[in-house]
């Protein structure tokens, strides 16, 4: 007879390593797209805004995922 599987508790709070990794990849992808499309963007105004909005979007998506996971675990 096999033992029941162990239950791993849901993480609490944001996954900072994943968030930082995502921001680095988002920045690299944006720079590569701008380079390949030969787009000249004023770094002073546009790119910091893009990074802030992208970072906030990642935080919101991550928090929504954690809330949904927590609700699922409570309902079971």
PDB file of N, CA and C in Angstrom:
ATOM      1  N   UNK A   1       0.842  -1.167   0.000  1.00  0.00           N
ATOM      2  CA  UNK A   1       0.000   0.000   0.000  1.00  0.00           C
ATOM      3  C   UNK A   1       0.899   1.245   0.000  1.00  0.00           C
ATOM      4  N   UNK A   2       0.590   2.190  -0.857  1.00  0.00           N
ATOM      5  CA  UNK A   2       1.436   3.378  -0.947  1.00  0.00           C
ATOM      6  C   UNK A   2       0.922   4.473  -0.013  1.00  0.00           C
ATOM      7  N   UNK A   3       1.825   5.322   0.384  1.00  0.00           N
ATOM      8  CA  UNK A   3       1.484   6.418   1.291  1.00  0.00           C
ATOM      9  C   UNK A   3       0.754   7.515   0.523  1.00  0.00           C
ATOM     10  N   UNK A   4      -0.133   8.238   1.190  1.00  0.00           N
ATOM     11  CA  UNK A   4      -0.828   9.335   0.488  1.00  0.00           C
ATOM     12  C   UNK A   4       0.167  10.427   0.120  1.00  0.00           C
ATOM     13  N   UNK A   5      -0.109  11.137  -0.973  1.00  0.00           N
ATOM     14  CA  UNK A   5       0.817  12.206  -1.384  1.00  0.00           C
ATOM     15  C   UNK A   5       0.846  13.333  -0.354  1.00  0.00           C
ATOM     16  N   UNK A   6       2.003  13.938  -0.215  1.00  0.00           N
ATOM     17  CA  UNK A   6       2.125  15.051   0.726  1.00  0.00           C
ATOM     18  C   UNK A   6       1.538  16.321   0.113  1.00  0.00           C
ATOM     19  N   UNK A   7       0.892  17.095   0.936  1.00  0.00           N
ATOM     20  CA  UNK A   7       0.276  18.343   0.486  1.00  0.00           C
ATOM     21  C   UNK A   7       1.250  19.488   0.763  1.00  0.00           C
ATOM     22  N   UNK A   8       1.557  20.229  -0.278  1.00  0.00           N
ATOM     23  CA  UNK A   8       2.456  21.375  -0.150  1.00  0.00           C
ATOM     24  C   UNK A   8       1.598  22.620   0.031  1.00  0.00           C
ATOM     25  N   UNK A   9       1.834  23.398   1.088  1.00  0.00           N
ATOM     26  CA  UNK A   9       1.004  24.592   1.302  1.00  0.00           C
ATOM     27  C   UNK A   9       1.256  25.644   0.214  1.00  0.00           C
ATOM     28  N   UNK A  10       0.216  26.407  -0.084  1.00  0.00           N
ATOM     29  CA  UNK A  10       0.326  27.469  -1.088  1.00  0.00           C
ATOM     30  C   UNK A  10       1.270  28.553  -0.588  1.00  0.00           C
ATOM     31  N   UNK A  11       2.076  29.125  -1.477  1.00  0.00           N
ATOM     32  CA  UNK A  11       2.988  30.185  -1.055  1.00  0.00           C
ATOM     33  C   UNK A  11       2.228  31.431  -0.637  1.00  0.00           C
ATOM     34  N   UNK A  12       2.806  32.177   0.249  1.00  0.00           N
ATOM     35  CA  UNK A  12       2.197  33.422   0.708  1.00  0.00           C
ATOM     36  C   UNK A  12       3.041  34.589   0.189  1.00  0.00           C
ATOM     37  N   UNK A  13       2.370  35.553  -0.403  1.00  0.00           N
ATOM     38  CA  UNK A  13       3.066  36.727  -0.918  1.00  0.00           C
ATOM     39  C   UNK A  13       3.625  36.487  -2.314  1.00  0.00           C
ATOM     40  N   UNK A  14       4.206  37.515  -2.902  1.00  0.00           N
ATOM     41  CA  UNK A  14       4.727  37.399  -4.267  1.00  0.00           C
ATOM     42  C   UNK A  14       6.015  36.581  -4.315  1.00  0.00           C
ATOM     43  N   UNK A  15       6.245  35.979  -5.450  1.00  0.00           N
ATOM     44  CA  UNK A  15       7.477  35.240  -5.692  1.00  0.00           C
ATOM     45  C   UNK A  15       8.486  36.250  -6.261  1.00  0.00           C
ATOM     46  N   UNK A  16       9.353  36.776  -5.410  1.00  0.00           N
ATOM     47  CA  UNK A  16      10.245  37.862  -5.813  1.00  0.00           C
ATOM     48  C   UNK A  16      11.241  37.435  -6.867  1.00  0.00           C
ATOM     49  N   UNK A  17      11.740  36.219  -6.803  1.00  0.00           N
ATOM     50  CA  UNK A  17      12.690  35.759  -7.819  1.00  0.00           C
ATOM     51  C   UNK A  17      12.036  35.723  -9.188  1.00  0.00           C
ATOM     52  N   UNK A  18      10.805  35.207  -9.249  1.00  0.00           N
ATOM     53  CA  UNK A  18      10.095  35.162 -10.518  1.00  0.00           C
ATOM     54  C   UNK A  18       9.772  36.564 -11.020  1.00  0.00           C
ATOM     55  N   UNK A  19       9.409  37.464 -10.126  1.00  0.00           N
ATOM     56  CA  UNK A  19       9.086  38.830 -10.515  1.00  0.00           C
ATOM     57  C   UNK A  19      10.305  39.542 -11.104  1.00  0.00           C
ATOM     58  N   UNK A  20      11.455  39.413 -10.449  1.00  0.00           N
ATOM     59  CA  UNK A  20      12.677  40.056 -10.947  1.00  0.00           C
ATOM     60  C   UNK A  20      13.101  39.443 -12.282  1.00  0.00           C
ATOM     61  N   UNK A  21      13.024  38.126 -12.360  1.00  0.00           N
ATOM     62  CA  UNK A  21      13.372  37.441 -13.607  1.00  0.00           C
ATOM     63  C   UNK A  21      12.454  37.918 -14.739  1.00  0.00           C
ATOM     64  N   UNK A  22      11.165  38.034 -14.466  1.00  0.00           N
ATOM     65  CA  UNK A  22      10.211  38.496 -15.475  1.00  0.00           C
ATOM     66  C   UNK A  22      10.515  39.919 -15.919  1.00  0.00           C
ATOM     67  N   UNK A  23      10.874  40.781 -14.979  1.00  0.00           N
ATOM     68  CA  UNK A  23      11.202  42.159 -15.349  1.00  0.00           C
ATOM     69  C   UNK A  23      12.454  42.233 -16.216  1.00  0.00           C
ATOM     70  N   UNK A  24      13.447  41.406 -15.897  1.00  0.00           N
ATOM     71  CA  UNK A  24      14.666  41.380 -16.710  1.00  0.00           C
ATOM     72  C   UNK A  24      14.342  40.899 -18.117  1.00  0.00           C
ATOM     73  N   UNK A  25      13.541  39.837 -18.217  1.00  0.00           N
ATOM     74  CA  UNK A  25      13.176  39.328 -19.542  1.00  0.00           C
ATOM     75  C   UNK A  25      12.308  40.322 -20.310  1.00  0.00           C
ATOM     76  N   UNK A  26      11.404  41.004 -19.618  1.00  0.00           N
ATOM     77  CA  UNK A  26      10.574  42.008 -20.268  1.00  0.00           C
ATOM     78  C   UNK A  26      11.424  43.153 -20.813  1.00  0.00           C
ATOM     79  N   UNK A  27      12.398  43.576 -20.045  1.00  0.00           N
ATOM     80  CA  UNK A  27      13.292  44.636 -20.489  1.00  0.00           C
ATOM     81  C   UNK A  27      14.106  44.193 -21.699  1.00  0.00           C
ATOM     82  N   UNK A  28      14.642  42.979 -21.635  1.00  0.00           N
ATOM     83  CA  UNK A  28      15.421  42.459 -22.762  1.00  0.00           C
ATOM     84  C   UNK A  28      14.583  42.303 -24.013  1.00  0.00           C
ATOM     85  N   UNK A  29      13.357  41.805 -23.856  1.00  0.00           N
ATOM     86  CA  UNK A  29      12.478  41.637 -25.019  1.00  0.00           C
ATOM     87  C   UNK A  29      12.130  42.986 -25.638  1.00  0.00           C
ATOM     88  N   UNK A  30      11.878  43.977 -24.811  1.00  0.00           N
ATOM     89  CA  UNK A  30      11.580  45.312 -25.333  1.00  0.00           C
ATOM     90  C   UNK A  30      12.762  45.921 -26.071  1.00  0.00           C
ATOM     91  N   UNK A  31      13.956  45.735 -25.505  1.00  0.00           N
ATOM     92  CA  UNK A  31      15.157  46.266 -26.159  1.00  0.00           C
ATOM     93  C   UNK A  31      15.410  45.550 -27.486  1.00  0.00           C
ATOM     94  N   UNK A  32      15.212  44.238 -27.513  1.00  0.00           N
ATOM     95  CA  UNK A  32      15.413  43.477 -28.751  1.00  0.00           C
ATOM     96  C   UNK A  32      14.391  43.886 -29.805  1.00  0.00           C
ATOM     97  N   UNK A  33      13.130  44.053 -29.398  1.00  0.00           N
ATOM     98  CA  UNK A  33      12.116  44.491 -30.357  1.00  0.00           C
ATOM     99  C   UNK A  33      12.442  45.868 -30.926  1.00  0.00           C
ATOM    100  N   UNK A  34      12.870  46.776 -30.085  1.00  0.00           N
ATOM    101  CA  UNK A  34      13.212  48.123 -30.550  1.00  0.00           C
ATOM    102  C   UNK A  34      14.405  48.076 -31.497  1.00  0.00           C
ATOM    103  N   UNK A  35      15.379  47.216 -31.198  1.00  0.00           N
ATOM    104  CA  UNK A  35      16.553  47.108 -32.050  1.00  0.00           C
ATOM    105  C   UNK A  35      16.190  46.508 -33.407  1.00  0.00           C
ATOM    106  N   UNK A  36      15.406  45.427 -33.393  1.00  0.00           N
ATOM    107  CA  UNK A  36      15.048  44.767 -34.653  1.00  0.00           C
ATOM    108  C   UNK A  36      14.131  45.624 -35.513  1.00  0.00           C
ATOM    109  N   UNK A  37      13.273  46.401 -34.899  1.00  0.00           N
ATOM    110  CA  UNK A  37      12.352  47.243 -35.655  1.00  0.00           C
ATOM    111  C   UNK A  37      12.962  48.605 -35.977  1.00  0.00           C
ATOM    112  N   UNK A  38      14.188  48.819 -35.540  1.00  0.00           N
ATOM    113  CA  UNK A  38      14.887  50.098 -35.753  1.00  0.00           C
ATOM    114  C   UNK A  38      14.054  51.267 -35.235  1.00  0.00           C
ATOM    115  N   UNK A  39      13.480  51.077 -34.076  1.00  0.00           N
ATOM    116  CA  UNK A  39      12.674  52.134 -33.456  1.00  0.00           C
ATOM    117  C   UNK A  39      13.573  52.966 -32.560  1.00  0.00           C
ATOM    118  N   UNK A  40      13.479  54.245 -32.727  1.00  0.00           N
ATOM    119  CA  UNK A  40      14.226  55.145 -31.848  1.00  0.00           C
ATOM    120  C   UNK A  40      13.250  55.732 -30.853  1.00  0.00           C
ATOM    121  N   UNK A  41      13.499  55.449 -29.589  1.00  0.00           N
ATOM    122  CA  UNK A  41      12.600  55.901 -28.529  1.00  0.00           C
ATOM    123  C   UNK A  41      13.397  56.757 -27.567  1.00  0.00           C
ATOM    124  N   UNK A  42      12.787  57.832 -27.130  1.00  0.00           N
ATOM    125  CA  UNK A  42      13.426  58.668 -26.135  1.00  0.00           C
ATOM    126  C   UNK A  42      13.459  57.913 -24.811  1.00  0.00           C
ATOM    127  N   UNK A  43      14.645  57.570 -24.358  1.00  0.00           N
ATOM    128  CA  UNK A  43      14.804  56.779 -23.145  1.00  0.00           C
ATOM    129  C   UNK A  43      14.391  57.583 -21.919  1.00  0.00           C
ATOM    130  N   UNK A  44      14.430  58.870 -22.013  1.00  0.00           N
ATOM    131  CA  UNK A  44      14.146  59.721 -20.865  1.00  0.00           C
ATOM    132  C   UNK A  44      12.679  59.606 -20.447  1.00  0.00           C
ATOM    133  N   UNK A  45      11.760  59.498 -21.400  1.00  0.00           N
ATOM    134  CA  UNK A  45      10.350  59.520 -21.055  1.00  0.00           C
ATOM    135  C   UNK A  45       9.677  58.166 -21.231  1.00  0.00           C
ATOM    136  N   UNK A  46       9.838  57.530 -22.385  1.00  0.00           N
ATOM    137  CA  UNK A  46       9.013  56.379 -22.740  1.00  0.00           C
ATOM    138  C   UNK A  46       9.390  55.098 -22.003  1.00  0.00           C
ATOM    139  N   UNK A  47      10.656  54.719 -21.994  1.00  0.00           N
ATOM    140  CA  UNK A  47      11.029  53.409 -21.451  1.00  0.00           C
ATOM    141  C   UNK A  47      10.801  53.272 -19.955  1.00  0.00           C
ATOM    142  N   UNK A  48      11.094  54.259 -19.134  1.00  0.00           N
ATOM    143  CA  UNK A  48      10.759  54.088 -17.714  1.00  0.00           C
ATOM    144  C   UNK A  48       9.258  53.893 -17.491  1.00  0.00           C
ATOM    145  N   UNK A  49       8.441  54.594 -18.269  1.00  0.00           N
ATOM    146  CA  UNK A  49       6.998  54.429 -18.153  1.00  0.00           C
ATOM    147  C   UNK A  49       6.588  53.021 -18.542  1.00  0.00           C
ATOM    148  N   UNK A  50       7.169  52.507 -19.616  1.00  0.00           N
ATOM    149  CA  UNK A  50       6.861  51.147 -20.064  1.00  0.00           C
ATOM    150  C   UNK A  50       7.266  50.140 -18.997  1.00  0.00           C
ATOM    151  N   UNK A  51       8.419  50.311 -18.405  1.00  0.00           N
ATOM    152  CA  UNK A  51       8.883  49.372 -17.379  1.00  0.00           C
ATOM    153  C   UNK A  51       8.010  49.431 -16.130  1.00  0.00           C
ATOM    154  N   UNK A  52       7.604  50.629 -15.731  1.00  0.00           N
ATOM    155  CA  UNK A  52       6.753  50.763 -14.552  1.00  0.00           C
ATOM    156  C   UNK A  52       5.399  50.113 -14.796  1.00  0.00           C
ATOM    157  N   UNK A  53       4.791  50.390 -15.936  1.00  0.00           N
ATOM    158  CA  UNK A  53       3.487  49.805 -16.248  1.00  0.00           C
ATOM    159  C   UNK A  53       3.608  48.288 -16.385  1.00  0.00           C
ATOM    160  N   UNK A  54       4.656  47.818 -17.048  1.00  0.00           N
ATOM    161  CA  UNK A  54       4.858  46.372 -17.177  1.00  0.00           C
ATOM    162  C   UNK A  54       5.069  45.709 -15.827  1.00  0.00           C
ATOM    163  N   UNK A  55       5.847  46.336 -14.971  1.00  0.00           N
ATOM    164  CA  UNK A  55       6.080  45.790 -13.638  1.00  0.00           C
ATOM    165  C   UNK A  55       4.811  45.749 -12.808  1.00  0.00           C
ATOM    166  N   UNK A  56       4.028  46.815 -12.866  1.00  0.00           N
ATOM    167  CA  UNK A  56       2.759  46.831 -12.135  1.00  0.00           C
ATOM    168  C   UNK A  56       1.807  45.765 -12.659  1.00  0.00           C
ATOM    169  N   UNK A  57       1.797  45.566 -13.969  1.00  0.00           N
ATOM    170  CA  UNK A  57       0.941  44.519 -14.540  1.00  0.00           C
ATOM    171  C   UNK A  57       1.370  43.141 -14.042  1.00  0.00           C
ATOM    172  N   UNK A  58       2.677  42.891 -13.968  1.00  0.00           N
ATOM    173  CA  UNK A  58       3.160  41.603 -13.459  1.00  0.00           C
ATOM    174  C   UNK A  58       2.785  41.411 -11.996  1.00  0.00           C
ATOM    175  N   UNK A  59       2.877  42.458 -11.211  1.00  0.00           N
ATOM    176  CA  UNK A  59       2.508  42.361  -9.787  1.00  0.00           C
ATOM    177  C   UNK A  59       1.022  42.057  -9.650  1.00  0.00           C
ATOM    178  N   UNK A  60       0.189  42.749 -10.420  1.00  0.00           N
ATOM    179  CA  UNK A  60      -1.260  42.531 -10.336  1.00  0.00           C
ATOM    180  C   UNK A  60      -1.613  41.111 -10.760  1.00  0.00           C
ATOM    181  N   UNK A  61      -1.019  40.631 -11.852  1.00  0.00           N
ATOM    182  CA  UNK A  61      -1.295  39.266 -12.310  1.00  0.00           C
ATOM    183  C   UNK A  61      -0.840  38.253 -11.266  1.00  0.00           C
ATOM    184  N   UNK A  62       0.307  38.468 -10.668  1.00  0.00           N
ATOM    185  CA  UNK A  62       0.791  37.558  -9.634  1.00  0.00           C
ATOM    186  C   UNK A  62      -0.105  37.542  -8.412  1.00  0.00           C
ATOM    187  N   UNK A  63      -0.556  38.706  -7.978  1.00  0.00           N
ATOM    188  CA  UNK A  63      -1.442  38.770  -6.815  1.00  0.00           C
ATOM    189  C   UNK A  63      -2.784  38.123  -7.114  1.00  0.00           C
ATOM    190  N   UNK A  64      -3.313  38.321  -8.330  1.00  0.00           N
ATOM    191  CA  UNK A  64      -4.566  37.663  -8.699  1.00  0.00           C
ATOM    192  C   UNK A  64      -4.410  36.146  -8.692  1.00  0.00           C
ATOM    193  N   UNK A  65      -3.277  35.664  -9.173  1.00  0.00           N
ATOM    194  CA  UNK A  65      -3.023  34.223  -9.147  1.00  0.00           C
ATOM    195  C   UNK A  65      -2.963  33.682  -7.734  1.00  0.00           C
ATOM    196  N   UNK A  66      -2.314  34.406  -6.828  1.00  0.00           N
ATOM    197  CA  UNK A  66      -2.249  33.966  -5.432  1.00  0.00           C
ATOM    198  C   UNK A  66      -3.626  33.973  -4.782  1.00  0.00           C
ATOM    199  N   UNK A  67      -4.429  34.992  -5.062  1.00  0.00           N
ATOM    200  CA  UNK A  67      -5.772  35.053  -4.489  1.00  0.00           C
ATOM    201  C   UNK A  67      -6.649  33.912  -5.002  1.00  0.00           C
ATOM    202  N   UNK A  68      -6.553  33.621  -6.287  1.00  0.00           N
ATOM    203  CA  UNK A  68      -7.343  32.516  -6.850  1.00  0.00           C
ATOM    204  C   UNK A  68      -6.913  31.186  -6.251  1.00  0.00           C
ATOM    205  N   UNK A  69      -5.617  31.000  -6.072  1.00  0.00           N
ATOM    206  CA  UNK A  69      -5.130  29.756  -5.487  1.00  0.00           C
ATOM    207  C   UNK A  69      -5.621  29.623  -4.049  1.00  0.00           C
ATOM    208  N   UNK A  70      -5.582  30.725  -3.306  1.00  0.00           N
ATOM    209  CA  UNK A  70      -6.024  30.699  -1.910  1.00  0.00           C
ATOM    210  C   UNK A  70      -7.517  30.379  -1.827  1.00  0.00           C
ATOM    211  N   UNK A  71      -8.325  30.965  -2.736  1.00  0.00           N
ATOM    212  CA  UNK A  71      -9.758  30.682  -2.730  1.00  0.00           C
ATOM    213  C   UNK A  71     -10.038  29.220  -3.054  1.00  0.00           C
ATOM    214  N   UNK A  72      -9.275  28.661  -4.011  1.00  0.00           N
ATOM    215  CA  UNK A  72      -9.462  27.253  -4.372  1.00  0.00           C
ATOM    216  C   UNK A  72      -9.125  26.349  -3.204  1.00  0.00           C
ATOM    217  N   UNK A  73      -8.053  26.669  -2.484  1.00  0.00           N
ATOM    218  CA  UNK A  73      -7.626  25.812  -1.380  1.00  0.00           C
ATOM    219  C   UNK A  73      -8.620  25.904  -0.230  1.00  0.00           C
ATOM    220  N   UNK A  74      -9.271  27.034  -0.026  1.00  0.00           N
ATOM    221  CA  UNK A  74     -10.264  27.175   1.042  1.00  0.00           C
ATOM    222  C   UNK A  74     -11.544  26.431   0.710  1.00  0.00           C
ATOM    223  N   UNK A  75     -11.911  26.411  -0.581  1.00  0.00           N
ATOM    224  CA  UNK A  75     -13.168  25.781  -0.975  1.00  0.00           C
ATOM    225  C   UNK A  75     -13.084  24.260  -0.992  1.00  0.00           C
ATOM    226  N   UNK A  76     -11.900  23.704  -0.995  1.00  0.00           N
ATOM    227  CA  UNK A  76     -11.751  22.241  -1.063  1.00  0.00           C
ATOM    228  C   UNK A  76     -11.799  21.618   0.292  1.00  0.00           C
TER     229      UNK A  76
END
